[in-house]
Amino acid sequence: HLHSILGSGEVERFWVNFPDPWPKARAIRKRVLQRERLLALRPLAAPGAYLHFRTDSGPLHAWVLEQLPDSGWHLAAEPEGDSAWGAARGIPTEYE
């Protein structure tokens, strides 16, 4: 549905905080950050856009990293002086 709301290259940052890890093998297709969905977000992303992802699930984190190759996204270090990263780090969620 995002493609009907947002234009091409319009989003500078996507935020995905503590998505359900769907740990059982039969439920993996329900995970938010699977390769196909990451590919679908790419056209909406502005040049240099970030996808911020937070989780407390080690297995989910490792799995998402496996989804990045060939999805148009890559792992990047927190940019120095980027106030959005620092602000987000300081916002606790009910899942933390």
Protein backbone atom coordinates (compact mmCIF):
# COMPACT_ATOMS: atom_id res chain seq x y z
CA HIS A 1 0.00 0.00 0.00
CA LEU A 2 2.97 2.33 0.46
CA HIS A 3 3.38 2.74 -3.29
CA SER A 4 -0.11 4.28 -3.52
CA ILE A 5 0.77 6.85 -0.85
CA LEU A 6 4.43 7.66 -1.47
CA GLY A 7 6.19 8.71 -4.64
CA SER A 8 9.35 7.33 -6.16
CA GLY A 9 12.47 8.47 -4.27
CA GLU A 10 10.41 10.26 -1.62
CA VAL A 11 11.53 8.53 1.60
CA GLU A 12 14.80 9.44 3.30
CA ARG A 13 14.43 7.05 6.26
CA PHE A 14 12.43 3.95 7.01
CA TRP A 15 12.13 2.96 10.69
CA VAL A 16 11.34 -0.62 11.70
CA ASN A 17 11.39 -1.04 15.46
CA PHE A 18 11.09 -4.46 17.06
CA PRO A 19 9.06 -6.29 14.41
CA ASP A 20 7.62 -9.66 15.35
CA PRO A 21 10.44 -12.17 14.72
CA TRP A 22 8.05 -14.93 13.61
CA PRO A 23 10.56 -17.52 14.88
CA LYS A 24 8.96 -20.67 13.50
CA ALA A 25 10.14 -21.76 10.05
CA ARG A 26 6.61 -21.94 8.66
CA ALA A 27 6.00 -18.29 9.60
CA ILE A 28 9.14 -16.75 8.03
CA ARG A 29 7.05 -15.51 5.08
CA LYS A 30 5.31 -13.13 7.53
CA ARG A 31 8.51 -11.32 8.52
CA VAL A 32 8.56 -7.64 7.63
CA LEU A 33 12.15 -7.36 6.38
CA GLN A 34 12.37 -10.26 3.98
CA ARG A 35 14.23 -9.76 0.69
CA GLU A 36 11.10 -9.27 -1.44
CA ARG A 37 9.77 -6.53 0.83
CA LEU A 38 13.15 -4.83 1.01
CA LEU A 39 13.22 -4.80 -2.79
CA ALA A 40 9.74 -3.26 -2.83
CA LEU A 41 10.89 -0.41 -0.55
CA ARG A 42 13.88 0.47 -2.72
CA PRO A 43 11.97 2.50 -5.39
CA LEU A 44 10.44 4.65 -2.64
CA ALA A 45 13.86 5.44 -1.17
CA ALA A 46 15.64 8.68 -1.97
CA PRO A 47 19.32 8.46 -2.93
CA GLY A 48 21.29 7.73 0.24
CA ALA A 49 18.16 6.67 2.18
CA TYR A 50 18.51 4.67 5.39
CA LEU A 51 16.52 1.78 6.76
CA HIS A 52 16.78 1.83 10.57
CA PHE A 53 16.13 -1.55 12.16
CA ARG A 54 16.00 -2.36 15.88
CA THR A 55 15.47 -5.75 17.43
CA ASP A 56 16.35 -7.65 20.57
CA SER A 57 16.23 -10.97 18.72
CA GLY A 58 19.70 -12.19 17.74
CA PRO A 59 18.37 -14.80 15.30
CA LEU A 60 16.10 -12.25 13.59
CA HIS A 61 18.95 -9.76 13.32
CA ALA A 62 21.20 -12.38 11.69
CA TRP A 63 18.41 -13.40 9.32
CA VAL A 64 17.74 -9.80 8.24
CA LEU A 65 21.46 -9.35 7.50
CA GLU A 66 21.19 -12.36 5.19
CA GLN A 67 18.35 -10.61 3.34
CA LEU A 68 20.39 -7.49 2.53
CA PRO A 69 22.53 -8.78 -0.37
CA ASP A 70 20.71 -8.33 -3.67
CA SER A 71 17.97 -6.28 -1.96
CA GLY A 72 19.37 -2.84 -2.73
CA TRP A 73 20.23 -2.21 0.93
CA HIS A 74 23.50 -2.59 2.82
CA LEU A 75 24.71 -2.43 6.39
CA ALA A 76 26.15 0.96 7.29
CA ALA A 77 27.70 2.41 10.40
CA GLU A 78 25.87 5.17 12.22
CA PRO A 79 26.86 8.42 10.50
CA GLU A 80 28.70 10.76 12.83
CA GLY A 81 26.72 13.87 13.68
CA ASP A 82 23.41 12.48 12.41
CA SER A 83 20.97 13.68 15.06
CA ALA A 84 18.17 11.31 13.97
CA TRP A 85 20.24 8.26 14.90
CA GLY A 86 21.12 9.63 18.32
CA ALA A 87 17.55 10.69 19.03
CA ALA A 88 16.16 7.30 18.03
CA ARG A 89 18.66 5.47 20.21
CA GLY A 90 17.33 7.36 23.20
CA ILE A 91 13.67 6.44 22.62
CA PRO A 92 12.74 3.27 24.51
CA THR A 93 9.88 1.12 23.26
CA GLU A 94 7.57 -1.13 25.21
CA TYR A 95 9.47 -4.08 23.73
CA GLU A 96 12.89 -3.11 25.12
